[in-house]
Amino acid sequence: ILLILTLLKMNLEIIHGELQEIKQLTLLSAKKALTMSDASLLTRLNKSHLYKLVCAKKIPYYKSQGGKLTYFEKAELEAWQLMHRVSTTDEIEAKAQTYCIGNKKGGKK
């Protein structure tokens, strides 16, 4: 019985954690301007990595009027996440065929 109670407690803690995350993400969906913590939750990048990206100016961000706080626009952050699309094999093959057809060497075209 003690083992069952321990397992139930662990499951409840996991469920509680997942509910907290769902609650945070739900609240996040209504926001336009995100704090560093919000951005970390949305992107699943830790704050340290986000700070490095901000310092290197590799991510779009805004500073508060005093310059102490960093904010992100949710739409820009989502667009930034989707910037580095990887082409499918079919797309790469189609580009290669187009290139080869248009760039024949020697002979008559």
PDB file of N, CA and C in Angstrom:
ATOM      1  N   ILE A   1       0.843  -1.202   0.000  1.00  0.00           N
ATOM      2  CA  ILE A   1       0.000   0.000   0.000  1.00  0.00           C
ATOM      3  C   ILE A   1       0.874   1.246   0.000  1.00  0.00           C
ATOM      4  N   LEU A   2       1.964   1.209   0.736  1.00  0.00           N
ATOM      5  CA  LEU A   2       2.874   2.362   0.786  1.00  0.00           C
ATOM      6  C   LEU A   2       3.469   2.645  -0.590  1.00  0.00           C
ATOM      7  N   LEU A   3       3.796   1.593  -1.314  1.00  0.00           N
ATOM      8  CA  LEU A   3       4.338   1.745  -2.666  1.00  0.00           C
ATOM      9  C   LEU A   3       3.306   2.387  -3.592  1.00  0.00           C
ATOM     10  N   ILE A   4       2.065   1.956  -3.485  1.00  0.00           N
ATOM     11  CA  ILE A   4       0.993   2.517  -4.314  1.00  0.00           C
ATOM     12  C   ILE A   4       0.797   3.989  -3.994  1.00  0.00           C
ATOM     13  N   LEU A   5       0.804   4.336  -2.721  1.00  0.00           N
ATOM     14  CA  LEU A   5       0.642   5.739  -2.316  1.00  0.00           C
ATOM     15  C   LEU A   5       1.800   6.594  -2.823  1.00  0.00           C
ATOM     16  N   THR A   6       2.992   6.060  -2.775  1.00  0.00           N
ATOM     17  CA  THR A   6       4.168   6.783  -3.270  1.00  0.00           C
ATOM     18  C   THR A   6       4.056   7.015  -4.772  1.00  0.00           C
ATOM     19  N   LEU A   7       3.639   5.997  -5.504  1.00  0.00           N
ATOM     20  CA  LEU A   7       3.465   6.132  -6.953  1.00  0.00           C
ATOM     21  C   LEU A   7       2.369   7.139  -7.291  1.00  0.00           C
ATOM     22  N   LEU A   8       1.279   7.105  -6.539  1.00  0.00           N
ATOM     23  CA  LEU A   8       0.194   8.068  -6.758  1.00  0.00           C
ATOM     24  C   LEU A   8       0.668   9.494  -6.502  1.00  0.00           C
ATOM     25  N   LYS A   9       1.444   9.676  -5.448  1.00  0.00           N
ATOM     26  CA  LYS A   9       1.965  11.008  -5.129  1.00  0.00           C
ATOM     27  C   LYS A   9       2.880  11.499  -6.250  1.00  0.00           C
ATOM     28  N   MET A  10       3.732  10.612  -6.758  1.00  0.00           N
ATOM     29  CA  MET A  10       4.630  10.990  -7.851  1.00  0.00           C
ATOM     30  C   MET A  10       3.832  11.364  -9.094  1.00  0.00           C
ATOM     31  N   ASN A  11       2.794  10.586  -9.395  1.00  0.00           N
ATOM     32  CA  ASN A  11       1.958  10.883 -10.557  1.00  0.00           C
ATOM     33  C   ASN A  11       1.242  12.213 -10.388  1.00  0.00           C
ATOM     34  N   LEU A  12       0.751  12.484  -9.183  1.00  0.00           N
ATOM     35  CA  LEU A  12       0.077  13.759  -8.925  1.00  0.00           C
ATOM     36  C   LEU A  12       1.035  14.932  -9.093  1.00  0.00           C
ATOM     37  N   GLU A  13       2.266  14.768  -8.662  1.00  0.00           N
ATOM     38  CA  GLU A  13       3.262  15.831  -8.816  1.00  0.00           C
ATOM     39  C   GLU A  13       3.562  16.079 -10.298  1.00  0.00           C
ATOM     40  N   ILE A  14       3.648  15.020 -11.068  1.00  0.00           N
ATOM     41  CA  ILE A  14       3.889  15.155 -12.510  1.00  0.00           C
ATOM     42  C   ILE A  14       2.709  15.865 -13.169  1.00  0.00           C
ATOM     43  N   ILE A  15       1.497  15.440 -12.828  1.00  0.00           N
ATOM     44  CA  ILE A  15       0.294  16.060 -13.394  1.00  0.00           C
ATOM     45  C   ILE A  15       0.214  17.525 -12.992  1.00  0.00           C
ATOM     46  N   HIS A  16       0.535  17.822 -11.744  1.00  0.00           N
ATOM     47  CA  HIS A  16       0.508  19.212 -11.275  1.00  0.00           C
ATOM     48  C   HIS A  16       1.509  20.063 -12.068  1.00  0.00           C
ATOM     49  N   GLY A  17       2.693  19.541 -12.292  1.00  0.00           N
ATOM     50  CA  GLY A  17       3.701  20.264 -13.068  1.00  0.00           C
ATOM     51  C   GLY A  17       3.241  20.519 -14.493  1.00  0.00           C
ATOM     52  N   GLU A  18       2.625  19.511 -15.095  1.00  0.00           N
ATOM     53  CA  GLU A  18       2.131  19.666 -16.466  1.00  0.00           C
ATOM     54  C   GLU A  18       0.989  20.680 -16.527  1.00  0.00           C
ATOM     55  N   LEU A  19       0.120  20.675 -15.522  1.00  0.00           N
ATOM     56  CA  LEU A  19      -0.969  21.660 -15.472  1.00  0.00           C
ATOM     57  C   LEU A  19      -0.423  23.076 -15.316  1.00  0.00           C
ATOM     58  N   GLN A  20       0.617  23.226 -14.514  1.00  0.00           N
ATOM     59  CA  GLN A  20       1.239  24.545 -14.344  1.00  0.00           C
ATOM     60  C   GLN A  20       1.802  25.042 -15.668  1.00  0.00           C
ATOM     61  N   GLU A  21       2.444  24.143 -16.408  1.00  0.00           N
ATOM     62  CA  GLU A  21       3.010  24.524 -17.702  1.00  0.00           C
ATOM     63  C   GLU A  21       1.906  24.902 -18.686  1.00  0.00           C
ATOM     64  N   ILE A  22       0.817  24.144 -18.690  1.00  0.00           N
ATOM     65  CA  ILE A  22      -0.320  24.469 -19.560  1.00  0.00           C
ATOM     66  C   ILE A  22      -0.899  25.824 -19.181  1.00  0.00           C
ATOM     67  N   LYS A  23      -1.005  26.087 -17.897  1.00  0.00           N
ATOM     68  CA  LYS A  23      -1.525  27.376 -17.418  1.00  0.00           C
ATOM     69  C   LYS A  23      -0.631  28.518 -17.896  1.00  0.00           C
ATOM     70  N   GLN A  24       0.677  28.355 -17.755  1.00  0.00           N
ATOM     71  CA  GLN A  24       1.619  29.389 -18.186  1.00  0.00           C
ATOM     72  C   GLN A  24       1.536  29.614 -19.692  1.00  0.00           C
ATOM     73  N   LEU A  25       1.452  28.540 -20.463  1.00  0.00           N
ATOM     74  CA  LEU A  25       1.367  28.670 -21.916  1.00  0.00           C
ATOM     75  C   LEU A  25       0.053  29.322 -22.341  1.00  0.00           C
ATOM     76  N   THR A  26      -1.020  29.036 -21.611  1.00  0.00           N
ATOM     77  CA  THR A  26      -2.310  29.661 -21.901  1.00  0.00           C
ATOM     78  C   THR A  26      -2.238  31.160 -21.645  1.00  0.00           C
ATOM     79  N   LEU A  27      -1.657  31.549 -20.524  1.00  0.00           N
ATOM     80  CA  LEU A  27      -1.497  32.972 -20.214  1.00  0.00           C
ATOM     81  C   LEU A  27      -0.581  33.637 -21.235  1.00  0.00           C
ATOM     82  N   LEU A  28       0.408  32.913 -21.677  1.00  0.00           N
ATOM     83  CA  LEU A  28       1.373  33.422 -22.647  1.00  0.00           C
ATOM     84  C   LEU A  28       0.712  33.720 -23.996  1.00  0.00           C
ATOM     85  N   SER A  29      -0.278  32.935 -24.346  1.00  0.00           N
ATOM     86  CA  SER A  29      -0.927  33.115 -25.651  1.00  0.00           C
ATOM     87  C   SER A  29      -1.634  34.461 -25.763  1.00  0.00           C
ATOM     88  N   ALA A  30      -2.010  35.062 -24.643  1.00  0.00           N
ATOM     89  CA  ALA A  30      -2.706  36.350 -24.667  1.00  0.00           C
ATOM     90  C   ALA A  30      -1.740  37.532 -24.695  1.00  0.00           C
ATOM     91  N   LYS A  31      -0.470  37.279 -24.440  1.00  0.00           N
ATOM     92  CA  LYS A  31       0.510  38.366 -24.375  1.00  0.00           C
ATOM     93  C   LYS A  31       1.094  38.677 -25.743  1.00  0.00           C
ATOM     94  N   LYS A  32       1.420  39.951 -25.955  1.00  0.00           N
ATOM     95  CA  LYS A  32       2.122  40.357 -27.173  1.00  0.00           C
ATOM     96  C   LYS A  32       3.597  40.593 -26.857  1.00  0.00           C
ATOM     97  N   ALA A  33       3.859  41.265 -25.734  1.00  0.00           N
ATOM     98  CA  ALA A  33       5.237  41.524 -25.294  1.00  0.00           C
ATOM     99  C   ALA A  33       5.605  40.490 -24.237  1.00  0.00           C
ATOM    100  N   LEU A  34       6.741  39.849 -24.436  1.00  0.00           N
ATOM    101  CA  LEU A  34       7.166  38.779 -23.540  1.00  0.00           C
ATOM    102  C   LEU A  34       8.404  39.174 -22.750  1.00  0.00           C
ATOM    103  N   THR A  35       8.444  38.747 -21.508  1.00  0.00           N
ATOM    104  CA  THR A  35       9.638  38.928 -20.687  1.00  0.00           C
ATOM    105  C   THR A  35      10.641  37.836 -21.051  1.00  0.00           C
ATOM    106  N   MET A  36      11.802  37.894 -20.449  1.00  0.00           N
ATOM    107  CA  MET A  36      12.821  36.873 -20.690  1.00  0.00           C
ATOM    108  C   MET A  36      12.292  35.497 -20.261  1.00  0.00           C
ATOM    109  N   SER A  37      11.604  35.444 -19.124  1.00  0.00           N
ATOM    110  CA  SER A  37      11.039  34.174 -18.648  1.00  0.00           C
ATOM    111  C   SER A  37       9.986  33.643 -19.608  1.00  0.00           C
ATOM    112  N   ASP A  38       9.123  34.549 -20.096  1.00  0.00           N
ATOM    113  CA  ASP A  38       8.098  34.150 -21.065  1.00  0.00           C
ATOM    114  C   ASP A  38       8.744  33.611 -22.340  1.00  0.00           C
ATOM    115  N   ALA A  39       9.750  34.322 -22.826  1.00  0.00           N
ATOM    116  CA  ALA A  39      10.442  33.915 -24.056  1.00  0.00           C
ATOM    117  C   ALA A  39      11.114  32.557 -23.870  1.00  0.00           C
ATOM    118  N   SER A  40      11.663  32.336 -22.701  1.00  0.00           N
ATOM    119  CA  SER A  40      12.300  31.059 -22.399  1.00  0.00           C
ATOM    120  C   SER A  40      11.276  29.927 -22.444  1.00  0.00           C
ATOM    121  N   LEU A  41      10.106  30.188 -21.880  1.00  0.00           N
ATOM    122  CA  LEU A  41       9.044  29.184 -21.881  1.00  0.00           C
ATOM    123  C   LEU A  41       8.548  28.916 -23.298  1.00  0.00           C
ATOM    124  N   LEU A  42       8.368  29.972 -24.076  1.00  0.00           N
ATOM    125  CA  LEU A  42       7.858  29.834 -25.443  1.00  0.00           C
ATOM    126  C   LEU A  42       8.843  29.100 -26.355  1.00  0.00           C
ATOM    127  N   THR A  43      10.111  29.467 -26.283  1.00  0.00           N
ATOM    128  CA  THR A  43      11.116  28.894 -27.188  1.00  0.00           C
ATOM    129  C   THR A  43      11.734  27.603 -26.669  1.00  0.00           C
ATOM    130  N   ARG A  44      11.551  27.346 -25.389  1.00  0.00           N
ATOM    131  CA  ARG A  44      12.178  26.199 -24.710  1.00  0.00           C
ATOM    132  C   ARG A  44      13.704  26.325 -24.682  1.00  0.00           C
ATOM    133  N   LEU A  45      14.184  27.561 -24.775  1.00  0.00           N
ATOM    134  CA  LEU A  45      15.611  27.847 -24.607  1.00  0.00           C
ATOM    135  C   LEU A  45      15.798  28.392 -23.197  1.00  0.00           C
ATOM    136  N   ASN A  46      16.898  28.030 -22.544  1.00  0.00           N
ATOM    137  CA  ASN A  46      17.080  28.564 -21.201  1.00  0.00           C
ATOM    138  C   ASN A  46      17.459  30.048 -21.266  1.00  0.00           C
ATOM    139  N   LYS A  47      17.253  30.731 -20.151  1.00  0.00           N
ATOM    140  CA  LYS A  47      17.476  32.183 -20.107  1.00  0.00           C
ATOM    141  C   LYS A  47      18.915  32.543 -20.452  1.00  0.00           C
ATOM    142  N   SER A  48      19.849  31.741 -20.009  1.00  0.00           N
ATOM    143  CA  SER A  48      21.258  32.008 -20.282  1.00  0.00           C
ATOM    144  C   SER A  48      21.517  32.045 -21.787  1.00  0.00           C
ATOM    145  N   HIS A  49      20.953  31.099 -22.499  1.00  0.00           N
ATOM    146  CA  HIS A  49      21.137  31.061 -23.955  1.00  0.00           C
ATOM    147  C   HIS A  49      20.458  32.264 -24.609  1.00  0.00           C
ATOM    148  N   LEU A  50      19.273  32.625 -24.130  1.00  0.00           N
ATOM    149  CA  LEU A  50      18.584  33.798 -24.674  1.00  0.00           C
ATOM    150  C   LEU A  50      19.412  35.059 -24.450  1.00  0.00           C
ATOM    151  N   TYR A  51      20.007  35.200 -23.261  1.00  0.00           N
ATOM    152  CA  TYR A  51      20.858  36.364 -22.988  1.00  0.00           C
ATOM    153  C   TYR A  51      22.032  36.415 -23.968  1.00  0.00           C
ATOM    154  N   LYS A  52      22.626  35.259 -24.250  1.00  0.00           N
ATOM    155  CA  LYS A  52      23.742  35.213 -25.202  1.00  0.00           C
ATOM    156  C   LYS A  52      23.287  35.646 -26.595  1.00  0.00           C
ATOM    157  N   LEU A  53      22.111  35.192 -27.006  1.00  0.00           N
ATOM    158  CA  LEU A  53      21.574  35.580 -28.315  1.00  0.00           C
ATOM    159  C   LEU A  53      21.290  37.076 -28.369  1.00  0.00           C
ATOM    160  N   VAL A  54      20.790  37.623 -27.262  1.00  0.00           N
ATOM    161  CA  VAL A  54      20.517  39.067 -27.189  1.00  0.00           C
ATOM    162  C   VAL A  54      21.827  39.844 -27.284  1.00  0.00           C
ATOM    163  N   CYS A  55      22.822  39.434 -26.519  1.00  0.00           N
ATOM    164  CA  CYS A  55      24.119  40.133 -26.529  1.00  0.00           C
ATOM    165  C   CYS A  55      24.763  40.094 -27.914  1.00  0.00           C
ATOM    166  N   ALA A  56      24.588  38.991 -28.619  1.00  0.00           N
ATOM    167  CA  ALA A  56      25.158  38.854 -29.963  1.00  0.00           C
ATOM    168  C   ALA A  56      24.246  39.462 -31.028  1.00  0.00           C
ATOM    169  N   LYS A  57      23.102  39.989 -30.604  1.00  0.00           N
ATOM    170  CA  LYS A  57      22.100  40.576 -31.516  1.00  0.00           C
ATOM    171  C   LYS A  57      21.679  39.583 -32.599  1.00  0.00           C
ATOM    172  N   LYS A  58      21.467  38.340 -32.177  1.00  0.00           N
ATOM    173  CA  LYS A  58      21.051  37.291 -33.104  1.00  0.00           C
ATOM    174  C   LYS A  58      19.570  36.974 -32.976  1.00  0.00           C
ATOM    175  N   ILE A  59      18.881  37.713 -32.127  1.00  0.00           N
ATOM    176  CA  ILE A  59      17.462  37.492 -31.896  1.00  0.00           C
ATOM    177  C   ILE A  59      16.804  38.862 -31.761  1.00  0.00           C
ATOM    178  N   PRO A  60      15.608  39.054 -32.333  1.00  0.00           N
ATOM    179  CA  PRO A  60      14.967  40.368 -32.213  1.00  0.00           C
ATOM    180  C   PRO A  60      14.479  40.606 -30.780  1.00  0.00           C
ATOM    181  N   TYR A  61      14.786  41.783 -30.244  1.00  0.00           N
ATOM    182  CA  TYR A  61      14.386  42.083 -28.868  1.00  0.00           C
ATOM    183  C   TYR A  61      14.210  43.586 -28.689  1.00  0.00           C
ATOM    184  N   TYR A  62      13.650  43.959 -27.558  1.00  0.00           N
ATOM    185  CA  TYR A  62      13.425  45.358 -27.200  1.00  0.00           C
ATOM    186  C   TYR A  62      13.942  45.578 -25.788  1.00  0.00           C
ATOM    187  N   LYS A  63      14.353  46.803 -25.501  1.00  0.00           N
ATOM    188  CA  LYS A  63      14.796  47.168 -24.163  1.00  0.00           C
ATOM    189  C   LYS A  63      13.779  48.119 -23.552  1.00  0.00           C
ATOM    190  N   SER A  64      13.632  48.072 -22.243  1.00  0.00           N
ATOM    191  CA  SER A  64      12.754  49.014 -21.552  1.00  0.00           C
ATOM    192  C   SER A  64      13.367  50.402 -21.649  1.00  0.00           C
ATOM    193  N   GLN A  65      12.596  51.414 -21.293  1.00  0.00           N
ATOM    194  CA  GLN A  65      13.070  52.783 -21.443  1.00  0.00           C
ATOM    195  C   GLN A  65      14.365  53.018 -20.666  1.00  0.00           C
ATOM    196  N   GLY A  66      14.495  52.430 -19.511  1.00  0.00           N
ATOM    197  CA  GLY A  66      15.722  52.564 -18.733  1.00  0.00           C
ATOM    198  C   GLY A  66      16.832  51.650 -19.224  1.00  0.00           C
ATOM    199  N   GLY A  67      16.493  50.711 -20.092  1.00  0.00           N
ATOM    200  CA  GLY A  67      17.485  49.809 -20.663  1.00  0.00           C
ATOM    201  C   GLY A  67      17.812  48.604 -19.812  1.00  0.00           C
ATOM    202  N   LYS A  68      17.090  48.422 -18.695  1.00  0.00           N
ATOM    203  CA  LYS A  68      17.416  47.312 -17.803  1.00  0.00           C
ATOM    204  C   LYS A  68      16.683  46.019 -18.158  1.00  0.00           C
ATOM    205  N   LEU A  69      15.469  46.146 -18.652  1.00  0.00           N
ATOM    206  CA  LEU A  69      14.665  44.960 -18.940  1.00  0.00           C
ATOM    207  C   LEU A  69      14.663  44.653 -20.433  1.00  0.00           C
ATOM    208  N   THR A  70      14.638  43.376 -20.751  1.00  0.00           N
ATOM    209  CA  THR A  70      14.603  42.924 -22.139  1.00  0.00           C
ATOM    210  C   THR A  70      13.234  42.323 -22.420  1.00  0.00           C
ATOM    211  N   TYR A  71      12.656  42.722 -23.552  1.00  0.00           N
ATOM    212  CA  TYR A  71      11.358  42.202 -23.963  1.00  0.00           C
ATOM    213  C   TYR A  71      11.451  41.640 -25.375  1.00  0.00           C
ATOM    214  N   PHE A  72      10.524  40.776 -25.685  1.00  0.00           N
ATOM    215  CA  PHE A  72      10.440  40.188 -27.014  1.00  0.00           C
ATOM    216  C   PHE A  72       9.007  40.318 -27.505  1.00  0.00           C
ATOM    217  N   GLU A  73       8.843  40.561 -28.806  1.00  0.00           N
ATOM    218  CA  GLU A  73       7.502  40.524 -29.385  1.00  0.00           C
ATOM    219  C   GLU A  73       7.241  39.085 -29.797  1.00  0.00           C
ATOM    220  N   LYS A  74       6.111  38.564 -29.346  1.00  0.00           N
ATOM    221  CA  LYS A  74       5.820  37.148 -29.561  1.00  0.00           C
ATOM    222  C   LYS A  74       5.850  36.771 -31.045  1.00  0.00           C
ATOM    223  N   ALA A  75       5.234  37.566 -31.894  1.00  0.00           N
ATOM    224  CA  ALA A  75       5.190  37.249 -33.330  1.00  0.00           C
ATOM    225  C   ALA A  75       6.594  37.233 -33.931  1.00  0.00           C
ATOM    226  N   GLU A  76       7.441  38.178 -33.524  1.00  0.00           N
ATOM    227  CA  GLU A  76       8.820  38.214 -34.036  1.00  0.00           C
ATOM    228  C   GLU A  76       9.617  37.011 -33.557  1.00  0.00           C
ATOM    229  N   LEU A  77       9.386  36.626 -32.314  1.00  0.00           N
ATOM    230  CA  LEU A  77      10.090  35.476 -31.747  1.00  0.00           C
ATOM    231  C   LEU A  77       9.684  34.191 -32.474  1.00  0.00           C
ATOM    232  N   GLU A  78       8.391  34.059 -32.758  1.00  0.00           N
ATOM    233  CA  GLU A  78       7.923  32.878 -33.483  1.00  0.00           C
ATOM    234  C   GLU A  78       8.479  32.866 -34.908  1.00  0.00           C
ATOM    235  N   ALA A  79       8.519  34.033 -35.552  1.00  0.00           N
ATOM    236  CA  ALA A  79       9.089  34.123 -36.906  1.00  0.00           C
ATOM    237  C   ALA A  79      10.575  33.783 -36.875  1.00  0.00           C
ATOM    238  N   TRP A  80      11.281  34.251 -35.850  1.00  0.00           N
ATOM    239  CA  TRP A  80      12.713  33.968 -35.703  1.00  0.00           C
ATOM    240  C   TRP A  80      12.941  32.464 -35.564  1.00  0.00           C
ATOM    241  N   GLN A  81      12.067  31.796 -34.822  1.00  0.00           N
ATOM    242  CA  GLN A  81      12.212  30.353 -34.641  1.00  0.00           C
ATOM    243  C   GLN A  81      12.070  29.604 -35.964  1.00  0.00           C
ATOM    244  N   LEU A  82      11.295  30.158 -36.882  1.00  0.00           N
ATOM    245  CA  LEU A  82      11.032  29.472 -38.151  1.00  0.00           C
ATOM    246  C   LEU A  82      11.926  29.950 -39.289  1.00  0.00           C
ATOM    247  N   MET A  83      12.935  30.761 -38.990  1.00  0.00           N
ATOM    248  CA  MET A  83      13.805  31.331 -40.022  1.00  0.00           C
ATOM    249  C   MET A  83      14.674  30.305 -40.736  1.00  0.00           C
ATOM    250  N   HIS A  84      15.149  29.338 -40.055  1.00  0.00           N
ATOM    251  CA  HIS A  84      16.151  28.428 -40.607  1.00  0.00           C
ATOM    252  C   HIS A  84      15.515  27.108 -41.036  1.00  0.00           C
ATOM    253  N   ARG A  85      14.674  27.201 -42.045  1.00  0.00           N
ATOM    254  CA  ARG A  85      13.974  26.026 -42.547  1.00  0.00           C
ATOM    255  C   ARG A  85      14.960  25.111 -43.271  1.00  0.00           C
ATOM    256  N   VAL A  86      14.801  23.835 -43.045  1.00  0.00           N
ATOM    257  CA  VAL A  86      15.628  22.836 -43.711  1.00  0.00           C
ATOM    258  C   VAL A  86      14.804  22.248 -44.855  1.00  0.00           C
ATOM    259  N   SER A  87      15.364  22.278 -46.057  1.00  0.00           N
ATOM    260  CA  SER A  87      14.660  21.762 -47.236  1.00  0.00           C
ATOM    261  C   SER A  87      14.527  20.248 -47.170  1.00  0.00           C
ATOM    262  N   THR A  88      13.438  19.755 -47.746  1.00  0.00           N
ATOM    263  CA  THR A  88      13.247  18.305 -47.812  1.00  0.00           C
ATOM    264  C   THR A  88      14.137  17.738 -48.916  1.00  0.00           C
ATOM    265  N   THR A  89      14.310  16.446 -48.909  1.00  0.00           N
ATOM    266  CA  THR A  89      15.104  15.776 -49.939  1.00  0.00           C
ATOM    267  C   THR A  89      14.506  16.028 -51.320  1.00  0.00           C
ATOM    268  N   ASP A  90      13.185  15.975 -51.415  1.00  0.00           N
ATOM    269  CA  ASP A  90      12.516  16.224 -52.705  1.00  0.00           C
ATOM    270  C   ASP A  90      12.794  17.639 -53.205  1.00  0.00           C
ATOM    271  N   GLU A  91      12.763  18.621 -52.315  1.00  0.00           N
ATOM    272  CA  GLU A  91      13.033  20.005 -52.712  1.00  0.00           C
ATOM    273  C   GLU A  91      14.471  20.166 -53.196  1.00  0.00           C
ATOM    274  N   ILE A  92      15.403  19.538 -52.507  1.00  0.00           N
ATOM    275  CA  ILE A  92      16.817  19.619 -52.897  1.00  0.00           C
ATOM    276  C   ILE A  92      17.027  18.963 -54.262  1.00  0.00           C
ATOM    277  N   GLU A  93      16.408  17.810 -54.470  1.00  0.00           N
ATOM    278  CA  GLU A  93      16.534  17.123 -55.759  1.00  0.00           C
ATOM    279  C   GLU A  93      15.929  17.955 -56.886  1.00  0.00           C
ATOM    280  N   ALA A  94      14.796  18.599 -56.633  1.00  0.00           N
ATOM    281  CA  ALA A  94      14.157  19.438 -57.653  1.00  0.00           C
ATOM    282  C   ALA A  94      15.050  20.623 -58.003  1.00  0.00           C
ATOM    283  N   LYS A  95      15.676  21.234 -57.006  1.00  0.00           N
ATOM    284  CA  LYS A  95      16.597  22.351 -57.260  1.00  0.00           C
ATOM    285  C   LYS A  95      17.806  21.878 -58.059  1.00  0.00           C
ATOM    286  N   ALA A  96      18.305  20.699 -57.724  1.00  0.00           N
ATOM    287  CA  ALA A  96      19.466  20.151 -58.435  1.00  0.00           C
ATOM    288  C   ALA A  96      19.120  19.885 -59.898  1.00  0.00           C
ATOM    289  N   GLN A  97      17.952  19.336 -60.148  1.00  0.00           N
ATOM    290  CA  GLN A  97      17.532  19.072 -61.533  1.00  0.00           C
ATOM    291  C   GLN A  97      17.375  20.377 -62.301  1.00  0.00           C
ATOM    292  N   THR A  98      16.754  21.360 -61.678  1.00  0.00           N
ATOM    293  CA  THR A  98      16.576  22.665 -62.322  1.00  0.00           C
ATOM    294  C   THR A  98      17.927  23.284 -62.641  1.00  0.00           C
ATOM    295  N   TYR A  99      18.861  23.180 -61.721  1.00  0.00           N
ATOM    296  CA  TYR A  99      20.197  23.728 -61.925  1.00  0.00           C
ATOM    297  C   TYR A  99      20.898  23.018 -63.081  1.00  0.00           C
ATOM    298  N   CYS A 100      20.831  21.695 -63.080  1.00  0.00           N
ATOM    299  CA  CYS A 100      21.512  20.916 -64.127  1.00  0.00           C
ATOM    300  C   CYS A 100      20.924  21.190 -65.505  1.00  0.00           C
ATOM    301  N   ILE A 101      19.620  21.321 -65.591  1.00  0.00           N
ATOM    302  CA  ILE A 101      18.966  21.589 -66.875  1.00  0.00           C
ATOM    303  C   ILE A 101      19.346  22.969 -67.385  1.00  0.00           C
ATOM    304  N   GLY A 102      19.421  23.940 -66.501  1.00  0.00           N
ATOM    305  CA  GLY A 102      19.717  25.316 -66.900  1.00  0.00           C
ATOM    306  C   GLY A 102      21.184  25.619 -67.078  1.00  0.00           C
ATOM    307  N   ASN A 103      22.058  24.753 -66.644  1.00  0.00           N
ATOM    308  CA  ASN A 103      23.496  25.031 -66.696  1.00  0.00           C
ATOM    309  C   ASN A 103      24.272  23.921 -67.396  1.00  0.00           C
ATOM    310  N   LYS A 104      23.833  23.552 -68.588  1.00  0.00           N
ATOM    311  CA  LYS A 104      24.548  22.512 -69.342  1.00  0.00           C
ATOM    312  C   LYS A 104      25.880  23.065 -69.819  1.00  0.00           C
ATOM    313  N   LYS A 105      26.907  22.262 -69.729  1.00  0.00           N
ATOM    314  CA  LYS A 105      28.249  22.658 -70.187  1.00  0.00           C
ATOM    315  C   LYS A 105      28.504  22.075 -71.566  1.00  0.00           C
ATOM    316  N   GLY A 106      29.072  22.877 -72.438  1.00  0.00           N
ATOM    317  CA  GLY A 106      29.440  22.398 -73.769  1.00  0.00           C
ATOM    318  C   GLY A 106      28.221  22.052 -74.608  1.00  0.00           C
ATOM    319  N   GLY A 107      28.449  21.761 -75.843  1.00  0.00           N
ATOM    320  CA  GLY A 107      27.358  21.382 -76.733  1.00  0.00           C
ATOM    321  C   GLY A 107      26.410  22.534 -77.007  1.00  0.00           C
ATOM    322  N   LYS A 108      25.392  22.245 -77.784  1.00  0.00           N
ATOM    323  CA  LYS A 108      24.412  23.269 -78.126  1.00  0.00           C
ATOM    324  C   LYS A 108      23.275  23.233 -77.116  1.00  0.00           C
ATOM    325  N   LYS A 109      22.750  24.410 -76.861  1.00  0.00           N
ATOM    326  CA  LYS A 109      21.621  24.496 -75.929  1.00  0.00           C
ATOM    327  C   LYS A 109      20.315  24.520 -76.661  1.00  0.00           C
TER     328      LYS A 109
END
